[in-house]
Amino acid sequence: AIFKLFARVRIRGTTLEGTAAGTIAVYFTGSYLCSLLGLDKNIAVSSTAAVPLIELIVSWPDKNFSLPFLIAVVAQFVKNSF
């Protein structure tokens, strides 16, 4: 009930506020893991940008498989390109 006070803007079933919070969480978690594992920060930034876009664009029934797979594709592309 309290979440309905904050989640007001919906786009294709996901809230704009939840997307923003998820993006911030993904960025900080990705940055921490990149520094911990010695990876390039470009991977964390690209993943952060890709997560909300993929969630809005992809309408596959099982996002638990598609989202990590597509983020791995984006990360591999960034790793090979930059």
N, C-alpha and C. Protein backbone atom coordinates (compact mmCIF):
# COMPACT_ATOMS: atom_id res chain seq x y z
N ALA A 1 0.82 -1.19 0.00
CA ALA A 1 0.00 0.00 0.00
C ALA A 1 0.87 1.25 0.00
N ILE A 2 1.98 1.22 0.72
CA ILE A 2 2.83 2.42 0.76
C ILE A 2 3.56 2.63 -0.55
N PHE A 3 3.82 1.54 -1.31
CA PHE A 3 4.51 1.69 -2.58
C PHE A 3 3.64 2.37 -3.62
N LYS A 4 2.35 2.28 -3.48
CA LYS A 4 1.46 2.95 -4.42
C LYS A 4 1.55 4.46 -4.31
N LEU A 5 2.01 4.96 -3.18
CA LEU A 5 2.18 6.40 -3.02
C LEU A 5 3.33 6.92 -3.89
N PHE A 6 4.36 6.10 -4.10
CA PHE A 6 5.53 6.54 -4.83
C PHE A 6 5.52 6.12 -6.29
N ALA A 7 4.96 4.99 -6.60
CA ALA A 7 4.98 4.45 -7.96
C ALA A 7 3.77 4.97 -8.73
N ARG A 8 3.92 6.11 -9.35
CA ARG A 8 2.79 6.73 -10.03
C ARG A 8 2.87 6.62 -11.54
N VAL A 9 4.03 6.73 -12.13
CA VAL A 9 4.16 6.74 -13.58
C VAL A 9 4.49 5.33 -14.06
N ARG A 10 3.61 4.75 -14.88
CA ARG A 10 3.83 3.40 -15.40
C ARG A 10 4.04 3.44 -16.90
N ILE A 11 5.05 2.68 -17.34
CA ILE A 11 5.32 2.51 -18.76
C ILE A 11 5.43 1.02 -19.01
N ARG A 12 4.48 0.47 -19.76
CA ARG A 12 4.43 -0.97 -20.09
C ARG A 12 4.55 -1.85 -18.85
N GLY A 13 3.89 -1.48 -17.78
CA GLY A 13 3.84 -2.31 -16.60
C GLY A 13 4.94 -2.06 -15.58
N THR A 14 5.95 -1.28 -15.94
CA THR A 14 7.00 -0.97 -14.98
C THR A 14 6.89 0.51 -14.59
N THR A 15 7.21 0.80 -13.36
CA THR A 15 7.10 2.17 -12.90
C THR A 15 8.39 2.93 -13.20
N LEU A 16 8.25 4.19 -13.49
CA LEU A 16 9.40 5.04 -13.76
C LEU A 16 10.28 5.18 -12.52
N GLU A 17 9.66 5.25 -11.37
CA GLU A 17 10.41 5.37 -10.13
C GLU A 17 11.20 4.11 -9.83
N GLY A 18 10.59 2.95 -10.07
CA GLY A 18 11.28 1.68 -9.87
C GLY A 18 12.43 1.50 -10.84
N THR A 19 12.23 1.97 -12.07
CA THR A 19 13.30 1.90 -13.06
C THR A 19 14.48 2.77 -12.64
N ALA A 20 14.19 3.96 -12.13
CA ALA A 20 15.27 4.85 -11.68
C ALA A 20 16.02 4.25 -10.49
N ALA A 21 15.28 3.68 -9.55
CA ALA A 21 15.93 3.06 -8.39
C ALA A 21 16.76 1.85 -8.81
N GLY A 22 16.23 1.06 -9.73
CA GLY A 22 16.98 -0.09 -10.23
C GLY A 22 18.23 0.31 -10.98
N THR A 23 18.14 1.40 -11.75
CA THR A 23 19.29 1.89 -12.48
C THR A 23 20.40 2.34 -11.54
N ILE A 24 20.02 3.03 -10.49
CA ILE A 24 21.01 3.48 -9.50
C ILE A 24 21.65 2.29 -8.80
N ALA A 25 20.83 1.30 -8.43
CA ALA A 25 21.36 0.11 -7.76
C ALA A 25 22.29 -0.67 -8.67
N VAL A 26 21.92 -0.81 -9.95
CA VAL A 26 22.77 -1.53 -10.90
C VAL A 26 24.09 -0.80 -11.10
N TYR A 27 24.05 0.52 -11.16
CA TYR A 27 25.29 1.27 -11.37
C TYR A 27 26.26 1.09 -10.20
N PHE A 28 25.77 1.26 -8.98
CA PHE A 28 26.66 1.15 -7.83
C PHE A 28 27.15 -0.29 -7.63
N THR A 29 26.28 -1.25 -7.83
CA THR A 29 26.70 -2.64 -7.72
C THR A 29 27.70 -3.00 -8.81
N GLY A 30 27.42 -2.56 -10.04
CA GLY A 30 28.35 -2.83 -11.14
C GLY A 30 29.69 -2.15 -10.96
N SER A 31 29.67 -0.92 -10.47
CA SER A 31 30.93 -0.20 -10.23
C SER A 31 31.76 -0.91 -9.15
N TYR A 32 31.08 -1.34 -8.11
CA TYR A 32 31.79 -2.05 -7.03
C TYR A 32 32.39 -3.36 -7.54
N LEU A 33 31.58 -4.12 -8.28
CA LEU A 33 32.09 -5.40 -8.79
C LEU A 33 33.20 -5.20 -9.81
N CYS A 34 33.10 -4.17 -10.63
CA CYS A 34 34.17 -3.89 -11.60
C CYS A 34 35.47 -3.54 -10.89
N SER A 35 35.38 -2.73 -9.83
CA SER A 35 36.60 -2.39 -9.10
C SER A 35 37.13 -3.59 -8.33
N LEU A 36 36.23 -4.43 -7.82
CA LEU A 36 36.64 -5.62 -7.08
C LEU A 36 37.31 -6.64 -7.99
N LEU A 37 36.79 -6.80 -9.19
CA LEU A 37 37.32 -7.80 -10.12
C LEU A 37 38.36 -7.23 -11.08
N GLY A 38 38.59 -5.92 -11.01
CA GLY A 38 39.58 -5.30 -11.88
C GLY A 38 39.11 -5.13 -13.31
N LEU A 39 37.82 -4.97 -13.51
CA LEU A 39 37.27 -4.78 -14.85
C LEU A 39 37.13 -3.31 -15.17
N ASP A 40 36.89 -3.01 -16.43
CA ASP A 40 36.74 -1.63 -16.88
C ASP A 40 35.39 -1.07 -16.44
N LYS A 41 35.37 0.18 -16.04
CA LYS A 41 34.13 0.83 -15.58
C LYS A 41 33.14 1.04 -16.72
N ASN A 42 33.61 1.00 -17.97
CA ASN A 42 32.69 1.16 -19.11
C ASN A 42 31.63 0.06 -19.12
N ILE A 43 31.97 -1.10 -18.62
CA ILE A 43 31.01 -2.21 -18.58
C ILE A 43 29.89 -1.87 -17.61
N ALA A 44 30.22 -1.32 -16.47
CA ALA A 44 29.18 -0.95 -15.50
C ALA A 44 28.28 0.15 -16.04
N VAL A 45 28.88 1.13 -16.69
CA VAL A 45 28.09 2.25 -17.22
C VAL A 45 27.19 1.77 -18.35
N SER A 46 27.70 0.93 -19.24
CA SER A 46 26.87 0.45 -20.34
C SER A 46 25.75 -0.46 -19.85
N SER A 47 26.04 -1.27 -18.85
CA SER A 47 24.99 -2.12 -18.29
C SER A 47 23.92 -1.28 -17.61
N THR A 48 24.35 -0.23 -16.94
CA THR A 48 23.40 0.66 -16.28
C THR A 48 22.48 1.31 -17.30
N ALA A 49 23.01 1.69 -18.42
CA ALA A 49 22.19 2.31 -19.46
C ALA A 49 21.31 1.29 -20.17
N ALA A 50 21.78 0.06 -20.27
CA ALA A 50 21.05 -0.94 -21.03
C ALA A 50 19.88 -1.56 -20.26
N VAL A 51 19.99 -1.66 -18.95
CA VAL A 51 18.94 -2.33 -18.16
C VAL A 51 17.56 -1.70 -18.34
N PRO A 52 17.39 -0.40 -18.12
CA PRO A 52 16.03 0.14 -18.29
C PRO A 52 15.55 0.09 -19.73
N LEU A 53 16.47 0.26 -20.69
CA LEU A 53 16.06 0.19 -22.09
C LEU A 53 15.59 -1.21 -22.47
N ILE A 54 16.31 -2.22 -22.03
CA ILE A 54 15.93 -3.59 -22.33
C ILE A 54 14.60 -3.93 -21.66
N GLU A 55 14.41 -3.48 -20.43
CA GLU A 55 13.15 -3.76 -19.74
C GLU A 55 11.96 -3.12 -20.44
N LEU A 56 12.16 -1.95 -21.03
CA LEU A 56 11.06 -1.29 -21.71
C LEU A 56 10.82 -1.86 -23.10
N ILE A 57 11.88 -2.30 -23.77
CA ILE A 57 11.75 -2.76 -25.15
C ILE A 57 11.34 -4.22 -25.23
N VAL A 58 11.99 -5.07 -24.47
CA VAL A 58 11.79 -6.52 -24.56
C VAL A 58 10.50 -6.90 -23.83
N SER A 59 9.67 -7.63 -24.52
CA SER A 59 8.42 -8.08 -23.90
C SER A 59 8.33 -9.61 -23.87
N TRP A 60 9.48 -10.25 -23.72
CA TRP A 60 9.49 -11.70 -23.62
C TRP A 60 8.83 -12.12 -22.33
N PRO A 61 8.25 -13.31 -22.33
CA PRO A 61 7.53 -13.73 -21.11
C PRO A 61 8.44 -13.94 -19.90
N ASP A 62 9.69 -14.34 -20.11
CA ASP A 62 10.57 -14.61 -18.99
C ASP A 62 11.75 -13.65 -19.01
N LYS A 63 11.64 -12.53 -18.30
CA LYS A 63 12.72 -11.56 -18.25
C LYS A 63 13.86 -12.03 -17.36
N ASN A 64 13.64 -13.05 -16.54
CA ASN A 64 14.71 -13.57 -15.69
C ASN A 64 15.81 -14.21 -16.51
N PHE A 65 15.48 -14.69 -17.70
CA PHE A 65 16.50 -15.22 -18.59
C PHE A 65 16.98 -14.17 -19.57
N SER A 66 16.07 -13.43 -20.16
CA SER A 66 16.43 -12.52 -21.24
C SER A 66 17.25 -11.33 -20.76
N LEU A 67 16.94 -10.77 -19.61
CA LEU A 67 17.66 -9.59 -19.14
C LEU A 67 19.14 -9.88 -18.85
N PRO A 68 19.48 -10.89 -18.07
CA PRO A 68 20.92 -11.16 -17.86
C PRO A 68 21.65 -11.53 -19.15
N PHE A 69 20.98 -12.26 -20.03
CA PHE A 69 21.60 -12.64 -21.30
C PHE A 69 21.90 -11.41 -22.15
N LEU A 70 20.94 -10.51 -22.28
CA LEU A 70 21.15 -9.32 -23.10
C LEU A 70 22.16 -8.36 -22.46
N ILE A 71 22.19 -8.29 -21.14
CA ILE A 71 23.20 -7.46 -20.46
C ILE A 71 24.59 -8.05 -20.71
N ALA A 72 24.71 -9.36 -20.71
CA ALA A 72 26.00 -9.99 -21.02
C ALA A 72 26.42 -9.70 -22.45
N VAL A 73 25.47 -9.65 -23.38
CA VAL A 73 25.78 -9.31 -24.77
C VAL A 73 26.28 -7.87 -24.85
N VAL A 74 25.61 -6.95 -24.16
CA VAL A 74 26.03 -5.55 -24.14
C VAL A 74 27.42 -5.43 -23.52
N ALA A 75 27.66 -6.10 -22.40
CA ALA A 75 28.96 -6.03 -21.74
C ALA A 75 30.07 -6.58 -22.63
N GLN A 76 29.80 -7.66 -23.32
CA GLN A 76 30.80 -8.24 -24.23
C GLN A 76 31.08 -7.29 -25.39
N PHE A 77 30.03 -6.65 -25.90
CA PHE A 77 30.22 -5.69 -26.98
C PHE A 77 31.08 -4.51 -26.53
N VAL A 78 30.80 -4.00 -25.34
CA VAL A 78 31.59 -2.87 -24.81
C VAL A 78 33.03 -3.29 -24.56
N LYS A 79 33.20 -4.48 -24.02
CA LYS A 79 34.56 -4.98 -23.74
C LYS A 79 35.38 -5.10 -25.03
N ASN A 80 34.75 -5.57 -26.09
CA ASN A 80 35.47 -5.75 -27.35
C ASN A 80 35.63 -4.44 -28.13
N SER A 81 34.77 -3.47 -27.89
CA SER A 81 34.79 -2.23 -28.67
C SER A 81 35.66 -1.15 -28.05
N PHE A 82 35.71 -1.07 -26.74
CA PHE A 82 36.40 0.06 -26.11
C PHE A 82 37.61 -0.38 -25.35
